[in-house]
Amino acid sequence: MDEKIKMYFIHKGTMALLPVFLEDGKIGTKVLEEGRELVVHCKPTYIVTASCIYYGASYKGRRDATKELIQVNRKPPIAVNPYHEVYFFPSLSPTQEFCGWFSNAHIAHFKRMSYNQSEITFLNGEKILYNISKNTLEVQLSRTSILKSILSKRFAYSKKFPYELQH
């Protein structure tokens, strides 16, 4: 691990936020980026929440928009920064301490290793084993893609016709 920091904001190079135990026994985050790893002294879901605020919206607002747009109530993907196509999905309910978060844009492929464990390969070739089923990964990636598609179309439409609303 390269660095230990107190706060972190998600960006396009962020691949995953993984829960880890810190030296003091508390839960922190192992951040996987293209080319480096960091340890952050706060939980993964807190980083997602703070990053939403950093990019101009509340986590609750982003979550509510996801629920409205794709009718997903459990483990909703979050458009952390939709203007730059930064979307993350949770591995578990975000209310659980050991919920990890993944960027759909960085996952190249994945395969089942056991009942509730998958090997995830990122576009940069890095591989991790994570306690998430292949089925859950497929569902979460699909949901995230649907959300991204809807918002991308709306942004494109609003640029083309800025004074009209699309329903």
N, C-alpha and C. Protein backbone atom coordinates (compact mmCIF):
# COMPACT_ATOMS: atom_id res chain seq x y z
N MET A 1 0.84 -1.17 0.00
CA MET A 1 0.00 0.00 0.00
C MET A 1 0.89 1.24 0.00
N ASP A 2 0.59 2.16 -0.87
CA ASP A 2 1.47 3.30 -1.06
C ASP A 2 1.28 4.40 -0.02
N GLU A 3 0.05 4.76 0.27
CA GLU A 3 -0.20 5.91 1.12
C GLU A 3 -1.33 5.63 2.09
N LYS A 4 -1.32 6.35 3.23
CA LYS A 4 -2.43 6.30 4.17
C LYS A 4 -2.92 7.73 4.34
N ILE A 5 -4.19 7.94 4.02
CA ILE A 5 -4.75 9.29 4.07
C ILE A 5 -6.07 9.30 4.83
N LYS A 6 -6.50 10.50 5.21
CA LYS A 6 -7.73 10.63 6.01
C LYS A 6 -8.98 10.75 5.17
N MET A 7 -8.88 11.36 3.99
CA MET A 7 -10.06 11.52 3.15
C MET A 7 -9.68 11.34 1.69
N TYR A 8 -10.69 10.97 0.90
CA TYR A 8 -10.46 10.65 -0.51
C TYR A 8 -11.73 10.96 -1.28
N PHE A 9 -11.58 11.48 -2.49
CA PHE A 9 -12.72 11.71 -3.37
C PHE A 9 -12.55 10.87 -4.63
N ILE A 10 -13.61 10.18 -4.99
CA ILE A 10 -13.62 9.31 -6.17
C ILE A 10 -13.41 10.15 -7.42
N HIS A 11 -12.69 9.57 -8.39
CA HIS A 11 -12.50 10.21 -9.69
C HIS A 11 -12.48 9.12 -10.76
N LYS A 12 -12.27 9.51 -12.01
CA LYS A 12 -12.33 8.55 -13.12
C LYS A 12 -11.33 7.41 -12.99
N GLY A 13 -10.22 7.62 -12.30
CA GLY A 13 -9.21 6.58 -12.14
C GLY A 13 -9.45 5.64 -10.98
N THR A 14 -10.50 5.88 -10.20
CA THR A 14 -10.82 5.03 -9.05
C THR A 14 -11.50 3.76 -9.55
N MET A 15 -10.93 2.61 -9.20
CA MET A 15 -11.47 1.33 -9.66
C MET A 15 -12.38 0.69 -8.62
N ALA A 16 -11.98 0.74 -7.34
CA ALA A 16 -12.77 0.07 -6.30
C ALA A 16 -12.44 0.66 -4.94
N LEU A 17 -13.42 0.55 -4.05
CA LEU A 17 -13.28 0.93 -2.65
C LEU A 17 -13.59 -0.32 -1.83
N LEU A 18 -12.57 -0.87 -1.17
CA LEU A 18 -12.72 -2.14 -0.47
C LEU A 18 -12.56 -1.95 1.03
N PRO A 19 -13.46 -2.50 1.83
CA PRO A 19 -13.33 -2.35 3.28
C PRO A 19 -12.14 -3.17 3.80
N VAL A 20 -11.40 -2.56 4.73
CA VAL A 20 -10.27 -3.23 5.37
C VAL A 20 -10.23 -2.84 6.84
N PHE A 21 -9.65 -3.70 7.65
CA PHE A 21 -9.43 -3.35 9.05
C PHE A 21 -8.15 -2.52 9.16
N LEU A 22 -8.25 -1.42 9.90
CA LEU A 22 -7.10 -0.58 10.17
C LEU A 22 -6.37 -1.10 11.41
N GLU A 23 -5.19 -0.55 11.68
CA GLU A 23 -4.41 -0.99 12.83
C GLU A 23 -5.17 -0.85 14.15
N ASP A 24 -6.03 0.16 14.25
CA ASP A 24 -6.78 0.39 15.49
C ASP A 24 -8.05 -0.47 15.58
N GLY A 25 -8.26 -1.36 14.61
CA GLY A 25 -9.42 -2.24 14.63
C GLY A 25 -10.65 -1.67 13.95
N LYS A 26 -10.61 -0.41 13.57
CA LYS A 26 -11.73 0.21 12.87
C LYS A 26 -11.69 -0.18 11.40
N ILE A 27 -12.81 0.09 10.72
CA ILE A 27 -12.88 -0.21 9.29
C ILE A 27 -12.49 1.02 8.48
N GLY A 28 -11.59 0.80 7.55
CA GLY A 28 -11.17 1.83 6.62
C GLY A 28 -11.40 1.34 5.20
N THR A 29 -10.74 1.97 4.26
CA THR A 29 -10.93 1.64 2.85
C THR A 29 -9.60 1.45 2.16
N LYS A 30 -9.51 0.36 1.43
CA LYS A 30 -8.39 0.16 0.51
C LYS A 30 -8.90 0.65 -0.84
N VAL A 31 -8.30 1.72 -1.34
CA VAL A 31 -8.70 2.30 -2.61
C VAL A 31 -7.80 1.73 -3.70
N LEU A 32 -8.43 1.16 -4.72
CA LEU A 32 -7.68 0.70 -5.88
C LEU A 32 -7.85 1.73 -6.99
N GLU A 33 -6.73 2.25 -7.44
CA GLU A 33 -6.71 3.17 -8.56
C GLU A 33 -5.87 2.55 -9.66
N GLU A 34 -5.94 3.12 -10.83
CA GLU A 34 -5.06 2.70 -11.91
C GLU A 34 -3.62 2.99 -11.48
N GLY A 35 -2.87 1.96 -11.16
CA GLY A 35 -1.46 2.14 -10.85
C GLY A 35 -1.09 2.36 -9.40
N ARG A 36 -2.03 2.44 -8.48
CA ARG A 36 -1.66 2.58 -7.07
C ARG A 36 -2.79 2.15 -6.15
N GLU A 37 -2.42 1.91 -4.89
CA GLU A 37 -3.36 1.60 -3.83
C GLU A 37 -3.15 2.59 -2.69
N LEU A 38 -4.24 2.94 -2.03
CA LEU A 38 -4.17 3.82 -0.87
C LEU A 38 -5.01 3.22 0.24
N VAL A 39 -4.71 3.59 1.47
CA VAL A 39 -5.56 3.24 2.60
C VAL A 39 -6.13 4.54 3.13
N VAL A 40 -7.44 4.59 3.23
CA VAL A 40 -8.13 5.78 3.70
C VAL A 40 -8.80 5.45 5.03
N HIS A 41 -8.72 6.37 5.97
CA HIS A 41 -9.22 6.14 7.31
C HIS A 41 -10.70 6.48 7.47
N CYS A 42 -11.51 6.01 6.54
CA CYS A 42 -12.96 6.08 6.67
C CYS A 42 -13.55 4.95 5.82
N LYS A 43 -14.81 4.63 6.07
CA LYS A 43 -15.47 3.50 5.40
C LYS A 43 -15.76 3.81 3.93
N PRO A 44 -15.83 2.76 3.10
CA PRO A 44 -16.11 2.96 1.68
C PRO A 44 -17.38 3.76 1.39
N THR A 45 -18.46 3.46 2.09
CA THR A 45 -19.72 4.18 1.82
C THR A 45 -19.60 5.65 2.18
N TYR A 46 -18.80 5.97 3.20
CA TYR A 46 -18.57 7.37 3.54
C TYR A 46 -17.85 8.09 2.39
N ILE A 47 -16.90 7.41 1.76
CA ILE A 47 -16.19 8.01 0.63
C ILE A 47 -17.16 8.27 -0.52
N VAL A 48 -18.07 7.34 -0.79
CA VAL A 48 -19.07 7.53 -1.84
C VAL A 48 -19.95 8.74 -1.50
N THR A 49 -20.40 8.80 -0.25
CA THR A 49 -21.26 9.89 0.21
C THR A 49 -20.55 11.24 0.08
N ALA A 50 -19.31 11.32 0.55
CA ALA A 50 -18.55 12.57 0.48
C ALA A 50 -18.24 12.95 -0.97
N SER A 51 -18.01 11.96 -1.81
CA SER A 51 -17.72 12.23 -3.22
C SER A 51 -18.94 12.79 -3.94
N CYS A 52 -20.11 12.29 -3.61
CA CYS A 52 -21.34 12.86 -4.19
C CYS A 52 -21.45 14.34 -3.86
N ILE A 53 -21.23 14.69 -2.60
CA ILE A 53 -21.27 16.09 -2.17
C ILE A 53 -20.20 16.89 -2.91
N TYR A 54 -19.00 16.34 -3.02
CA TYR A 54 -17.89 17.00 -3.71
C TYR A 54 -18.28 17.38 -5.13
N TYR A 55 -19.05 16.49 -5.78
CA TYR A 55 -19.47 16.75 -7.17
C TYR A 55 -20.85 17.41 -7.27
N GLY A 56 -21.37 17.91 -6.14
CA GLY A 56 -22.52 18.79 -6.20
C GLY A 56 -23.89 18.21 -5.90
N ALA A 57 -23.96 17.01 -5.35
CA ALA A 57 -25.27 16.43 -5.00
C ALA A 57 -25.12 15.57 -3.75
N SER A 58 -26.21 15.37 -3.06
CA SER A 58 -26.16 14.50 -1.89
C SER A 58 -26.24 13.03 -2.30
N TYR A 59 -25.70 12.18 -1.45
CA TYR A 59 -25.80 10.74 -1.68
C TYR A 59 -27.27 10.34 -1.72
N LYS A 60 -28.06 10.89 -0.80
CA LYS A 60 -29.49 10.57 -0.77
C LYS A 60 -30.16 11.00 -2.08
N GLY A 61 -29.82 12.15 -2.59
CA GLY A 61 -30.39 12.61 -3.85
C GLY A 61 -30.01 11.69 -5.01
N ARG A 62 -28.76 11.29 -5.05
CA ARG A 62 -28.32 10.36 -6.10
C ARG A 62 -29.03 9.01 -5.95
N ARG A 63 -29.16 8.53 -4.72
CA ARG A 63 -29.85 7.26 -4.47
C ARG A 63 -31.32 7.36 -4.86
N ASP A 64 -31.98 8.44 -4.47
CA ASP A 64 -33.39 8.63 -4.82
C ASP A 64 -33.58 8.71 -6.33
N ALA A 65 -32.66 9.38 -7.03
CA ALA A 65 -32.75 9.47 -8.49
C ALA A 65 -32.62 8.08 -9.11
N THR A 66 -31.71 7.26 -8.60
CA THR A 66 -31.56 5.90 -9.10
C THR A 66 -32.85 5.12 -8.91
N LYS A 67 -33.44 5.24 -7.74
CA LYS A 67 -34.70 4.53 -7.46
C LYS A 67 -35.79 4.96 -8.44
N GLU A 68 -35.87 6.24 -8.72
CA GLU A 68 -36.89 6.76 -9.63
C GLU A 68 -36.62 6.35 -11.08
N LEU A 69 -35.37 6.42 -11.49
CA LEU A 69 -35.02 6.16 -12.89
C LEU A 69 -35.04 4.69 -13.28
N ILE A 70 -34.57 3.81 -12.38
CA ILE A 70 -34.49 2.39 -12.76
C ILE A 70 -35.24 1.47 -11.80
N GLN A 71 -36.02 2.05 -10.90
CA GLN A 71 -36.85 1.29 -9.97
C GLN A 71 -36.06 0.24 -9.18
N VAL A 72 -34.92 0.65 -8.64
CA VAL A 72 -34.09 -0.24 -7.82
C VAL A 72 -34.04 0.31 -6.41
N ASN A 73 -34.47 -0.51 -5.46
CA ASN A 73 -34.47 -0.09 -4.06
C ASN A 73 -33.31 -0.67 -3.26
N ARG A 74 -32.86 -1.87 -3.65
CA ARG A 74 -31.79 -2.53 -2.91
C ARG A 74 -30.48 -2.45 -3.67
N LYS A 75 -29.44 -2.09 -2.96
CA LYS A 75 -28.10 -1.97 -3.53
C LYS A 75 -28.08 -1.13 -4.81
N PRO A 76 -28.62 0.08 -4.76
CA PRO A 76 -28.68 0.89 -5.98
C PRO A 76 -27.30 1.39 -6.41
N PRO A 77 -27.03 1.38 -7.71
CA PRO A 77 -25.81 2.02 -8.19
C PRO A 77 -25.94 3.52 -8.00
N ILE A 78 -24.80 4.20 -7.88
CA ILE A 78 -24.80 5.63 -7.63
C ILE A 78 -24.03 6.36 -8.73
N ALA A 79 -24.66 7.38 -9.27
CA ALA A 79 -24.01 8.25 -10.25
C ALA A 79 -23.22 9.29 -9.46
N VAL A 80 -22.00 8.93 -9.07
CA VAL A 80 -21.18 9.81 -8.23
C VAL A 80 -20.92 11.13 -8.95
N ASN A 81 -20.53 11.05 -10.21
CA ASN A 81 -20.31 12.23 -11.04
C ASN A 81 -20.76 11.88 -12.46
N PRO A 82 -22.06 11.97 -12.72
CA PRO A 82 -22.57 11.53 -14.02
C PRO A 82 -22.07 12.36 -15.19
N TYR A 83 -21.66 13.59 -14.93
CA TYR A 83 -21.18 14.46 -16.01
C TYR A 83 -19.85 13.96 -16.59
N HIS A 84 -19.11 13.22 -15.77
CA HIS A 84 -17.85 12.63 -16.22
C HIS A 84 -17.93 11.11 -16.22
N GLU A 85 -19.15 10.59 -16.20
CA GLU A 85 -19.43 9.15 -16.29
C GLU A 85 -18.74 8.33 -15.20
N VAL A 86 -18.83 8.80 -13.96
CA VAL A 86 -18.28 8.08 -12.82
C VAL A 86 -19.44 7.48 -12.03
N TYR A 87 -19.60 6.17 -12.19
CA TYR A 87 -20.68 5.42 -11.56
C TYR A 87 -20.08 4.31 -10.71
N PHE A 88 -20.65 4.09 -9.54
CA PHE A 88 -20.20 3.02 -8.65
C PHE A 88 -21.39 2.19 -8.20
N PHE A 89 -21.15 0.90 -7.97
CA PHE A 89 -22.19 0.04 -7.42
C PHE A 89 -21.67 -0.67 -6.18
N PRO A 90 -22.58 -0.93 -5.21
CA PRO A 90 -22.18 -1.58 -3.97
C PRO A 90 -22.20 -3.10 -4.08
N SER A 91 -21.35 -3.73 -3.27
CA SER A 91 -21.31 -5.19 -3.23
C SER A 91 -22.37 -5.76 -2.30
N LEU A 92 -22.73 -5.00 -1.29
CA LEU A 92 -23.75 -5.36 -0.30
C LEU A 92 -24.65 -4.15 -0.11
N SER A 93 -25.58 -4.26 0.82
CA SER A 93 -26.34 -3.09 1.18
C SER A 93 -25.36 -2.03 1.69
N PRO A 94 -25.47 -0.79 1.21
CA PRO A 94 -24.56 0.26 1.67
C PRO A 94 -24.64 0.53 3.18
N THR A 95 -25.66 0.04 3.84
CA THR A 95 -25.76 0.22 5.29
C THR A 95 -24.87 -0.77 6.04
N GLN A 96 -24.37 -1.79 5.37
CA GLN A 96 -23.49 -2.77 6.02
C GLN A 96 -22.05 -2.28 6.02
N GLU A 97 -21.37 -2.50 7.13
CA GLU A 97 -20.00 -2.01 7.31
C GLU A 97 -19.02 -2.53 6.25
N PHE A 98 -19.21 -3.76 5.81
CA PHE A 98 -18.26 -4.37 4.88
C PHE A 98 -18.69 -4.26 3.43
N CYS A 99 -19.49 -3.24 3.13
CA CYS A 99 -19.90 -2.99 1.75
C CYS A 99 -18.73 -2.39 0.98
N GLY A 100 -18.36 -3.03 -0.11
CA GLY A 100 -17.36 -2.49 -1.02
C GLY A 100 -18.06 -1.83 -2.19
N TRP A 101 -17.35 -1.01 -2.93
CA TRP A 101 -17.91 -0.30 -4.08
C TRP A 101 -16.99 -0.46 -5.28
N PHE A 102 -17.59 -0.64 -6.46
CA PHE A 102 -16.85 -0.87 -7.68
C PHE A 102 -17.28 0.09 -8.78
N SER A 103 -16.31 0.51 -9.57
CA SER A 103 -16.60 1.31 -10.76
C SER A 103 -16.89 0.36 -11.91
N ASN A 104 -18.03 0.51 -12.53
CA ASN A 104 -18.37 -0.36 -13.67
C ASN A 104 -17.40 -0.14 -14.83
N ALA A 105 -16.88 1.06 -14.96
CA ALA A 105 -16.03 1.41 -16.10
C ALA A 105 -14.67 0.71 -16.08
N HIS A 106 -14.27 0.19 -14.94
CA HIS A 106 -12.94 -0.42 -14.81
C HIS A 106 -12.97 -1.95 -14.82
N ILE A 107 -14.14 -2.56 -14.79
CA ILE A 107 -14.20 -4.02 -14.74
C ILE A 107 -14.14 -4.58 -16.16
N ALA A 108 -13.12 -5.39 -16.42
CA ALA A 108 -12.96 -6.02 -17.73
C ALA A 108 -13.79 -7.30 -17.79
N HIS A 109 -13.64 -8.15 -16.79
CA HIS A 109 -14.44 -9.37 -16.69
C HIS A 109 -14.30 -9.96 -15.29
N PHE A 110 -15.07 -10.98 -15.03
CA PHE A 110 -15.05 -11.63 -13.72
C PHE A 110 -15.46 -13.07 -13.90
N LYS A 111 -15.08 -13.90 -12.92
CA LYS A 111 -15.47 -15.30 -12.98
C LYS A 111 -15.73 -15.81 -11.57
N ARG A 112 -16.59 -16.78 -11.49
CA ARG A 112 -16.96 -17.40 -10.23
C ARG A 112 -15.80 -18.24 -9.73
N MET A 113 -15.45 -18.07 -8.47
CA MET A 113 -14.40 -18.89 -7.86
C MET A 113 -15.00 -19.89 -6.88
N SER A 114 -16.04 -19.47 -6.17
CA SER A 114 -16.78 -20.35 -5.27
C SER A 114 -18.18 -19.76 -5.13
N TYR A 115 -18.98 -20.33 -4.26
CA TYR A 115 -20.38 -19.91 -4.14
C TYR A 115 -20.54 -18.39 -4.04
N ASN A 116 -19.78 -17.76 -3.17
CA ASN A 116 -19.96 -16.32 -2.94
C ASN A 116 -18.65 -15.57 -3.11
N GLN A 117 -17.82 -16.04 -4.04
CA GLN A 117 -16.55 -15.37 -4.28
C GLN A 117 -16.27 -15.32 -5.78
N SER A 118 -15.80 -14.17 -6.23
CA SER A 118 -15.49 -13.98 -7.65
C SER A 118 -14.10 -13.39 -7.79
N GLU A 119 -13.49 -13.72 -8.93
CA GLU A 119 -12.25 -13.07 -9.31
C GLU A 119 -12.62 -11.96 -10.28
N ILE A 120 -12.25 -10.74 -9.93
CA ILE A 120 -12.56 -9.58 -10.75
C ILE A 120 -11.27 -9.12 -11.42
N THR A 121 -11.33 -8.98 -12.73
CA THR A 121 -10.19 -8.48 -13.49
C THR A 121 -10.54 -7.08 -13.99
N PHE A 122 -9.66 -6.14 -13.67
CA PHE A 122 -9.85 -4.76 -14.09
C PHE A 122 -9.19 -4.54 -15.45
N LEU A 123 -9.56 -3.48 -16.11
CA LEU A 123 -9.03 -3.18 -17.44
C LEU A 123 -7.51 -3.05 -17.46
N ASN A 124 -6.91 -2.65 -16.34
CA ASN A 124 -5.45 -2.52 -16.29
C ASN A 124 -4.75 -3.86 -16.04
N GLY A 125 -5.54 -4.94 -15.98
CA GLY A 125 -4.98 -6.28 -15.78
C GLY A 125 -4.92 -6.73 -14.33
N GLU A 126 -5.13 -5.83 -13.40
CA GLU A 126 -5.11 -6.20 -11.98
C GLU A 126 -6.29 -7.11 -11.67
N LYS A 127 -6.04 -8.11 -10.82
CA LYS A 127 -7.08 -9.07 -10.42
C LYS A 127 -7.20 -9.07 -8.91
N ILE A 128 -8.44 -9.22 -8.44
CA ILE A 128 -8.68 -9.38 -7.01
C ILE A 128 -9.71 -10.49 -6.81
N LEU A 129 -9.62 -11.16 -5.67
CA LEU A 129 -10.68 -12.07 -5.23
C LEU A 129 -11.54 -11.28 -4.27
N TYR A 130 -12.86 -11.35 -4.46
CA TYR A 130 -13.75 -10.59 -3.59
C TYR A 130 -14.97 -11.42 -3.25
N ASN A 131 -15.47 -11.24 -2.04
CA ASN A 131 -16.64 -11.99 -1.59
C ASN A 131 -17.92 -11.37 -2.16
N ILE A 132 -18.16 -11.69 -3.40
CA ILE A 132 -19.37 -11.28 -4.11
C ILE A 132 -19.65 -12.36 -5.15
N SER A 133 -20.90 -12.74 -5.26
CA SER A 133 -21.23 -13.81 -6.21
C SER A 133 -21.19 -13.29 -7.65
N LYS A 134 -20.98 -14.20 -8.57
CA LYS A 134 -20.98 -13.85 -9.99
C LYS A 134 -22.34 -13.27 -10.38
N ASN A 135 -23.41 -13.83 -9.86
CA ASN A 135 -24.75 -13.34 -10.16
C ASN A 135 -24.94 -11.90 -9.67
N THR A 136 -24.49 -11.62 -8.47
CA THR A 136 -24.61 -10.26 -7.94
C THR A 136 -23.83 -9.28 -8.80
N LEU A 137 -22.63 -9.66 -9.21
CA LEU A 137 -21.84 -8.79 -10.10
C LEU A 137 -22.58 -8.52 -11.41
N GLU A 138 -23.15 -9.56 -12.00
CA GLU A 138 -23.89 -9.39 -13.25
C GLU A 138 -25.06 -8.44 -13.08
N VAL A 139 -25.82 -8.62 -12.01
CA VAL A 139 -26.99 -7.76 -11.74
C VAL A 139 -26.54 -6.32 -11.51
N GLN A 140 -25.52 -6.14 -10.69
CA GLN A 140 -25.06 -4.79 -10.36
C GLN A 140 -24.47 -4.07 -11.58
N LEU A 141 -23.73 -4.78 -12.39
CA LEU A 141 -23.20 -4.17 -13.62
C LEU A 141 -24.32 -3.79 -14.58
N SER A 142 -25.32 -4.65 -14.68
CA SER A 142 -26.46 -4.36 -15.55
C SER A 142 -27.22 -3.12 -15.08
N ARG A 143 -27.50 -3.06 -13.80
CA ARG A 143 -28.21 -1.90 -13.23
C ARG A 143 -27.43 -0.61 -13.49
N THR A 144 -26.13 -0.68 -13.27
CA THR A 144 -25.29 0.50 -13.46
C THR A 144 -25.29 0.94 -14.92
N SER A 145 -25.22 -0.01 -15.82
CA SER A 145 -25.25 0.31 -17.26
C SER A 145 -26.56 0.95 -17.66
N ILE A 146 -27.66 0.46 -17.12
CA ILE A 146 -28.98 1.03 -17.43
C ILE A 146 -29.06 2.47 -16.91
N LEU A 147 -28.61 2.68 -15.67
CA LEU A 147 -28.62 4.03 -15.10
C LEU A 147 -27.76 4.97 -15.94
N LYS A 148 -26.57 4.53 -16.28
CA LYS A 148 -25.65 5.35 -17.08
C LYS A 148 -26.28 5.68 -18.44
N SER A 149 -26.91 4.72 -19.07
CA SER A 149 -27.54 4.93 -20.38
C SER A 149 -28.64 5.98 -20.30
N ILE A 150 -29.49 5.86 -19.30
CA ILE A 150 -30.59 6.82 -19.14
C ILE A 150 -30.05 8.23 -18.94
N LEU A 151 -29.10 8.39 -18.03
CA LEU A 151 -28.58 9.72 -17.74
C LEU A 151 -27.78 10.28 -18.92
N SER A 152 -27.02 9.44 -19.60
CA SER A 152 -26.26 9.91 -20.77
C SER A 152 -27.19 10.44 -21.85
N LYS A 153 -28.29 9.73 -22.09
CA LYS A 153 -29.27 10.19 -23.09
C LYS A 153 -29.88 11.51 -22.68
N ARG A 154 -30.17 11.66 -21.39
CA ARG A 154 -30.78 12.92 -20.92
C ARG A 154 -29.80 14.07 -21.04
N PHE A 155 -28.53 13.83 -20.73
CA PHE A 155 -27.53 14.90 -20.86
C PHE A 155 -27.37 15.29 -22.32
N ALA A 156 -27.32 14.31 -23.21
CA ALA A 156 -27.18 14.60 -24.64
C ALA A 156 -28.39 15.36 -25.15
N TYR A 157 -29.58 14.97 -24.72
CA TYR A 157 -30.81 15.64 -25.14
C TYR A 157 -30.84 17.07 -24.63
N SER A 158 -30.44 17.27 -23.36
CA SER A 158 -30.51 18.61 -22.79
C SER A 158 -29.51 19.56 -23.47
N LYS A 159 -28.39 19.03 -23.98
CA LYS A 159 -27.44 19.87 -24.71
C LYS A 159 -28.01 20.26 -26.07
N LYS A 160 -28.75 19.34 -26.67
CA LYS A 160 -29.32 19.58 -27.99
C LYS A 160 -30.52 20.52 -27.92
N PHE A 161 -31.35 20.32 -26.92
CA PHE A 161 -32.57 21.11 -26.74
C PHE A 161 -32.63 21.62 -25.29
N PRO A 162 -31.86 22.63 -24.97
CA PRO A 162 -31.73 23.04 -23.56
C PRO A 162 -32.99 23.61 -22.93
N TYR A 163 -33.99 23.99 -23.73
CA TYR A 163 -35.18 24.63 -23.16
C TYR A 163 -36.38 23.71 -23.14
N GLU A 164 -36.18 22.47 -23.46
CA GLU A 164 -37.29 21.51 -23.47
C GLU A 164 -37.00 20.40 -22.49
N LEU A 165 -38.02 19.82 -21.95
CA LEU A 165 -37.86 18.69 -21.06
C LEU A 165 -38.29 17.42 -21.77
N GLN A 166 -37.53 16.38 -21.57
CA GLN A 166 -37.90 15.08 -22.15
C GLN A 166 -38.55 14.24 -21.06
N HIS A 167 -39.65 13.59 -21.43
CA HIS A 167 -40.32 12.73 -20.44
C HIS A 167 -40.13 11.30 -20.82
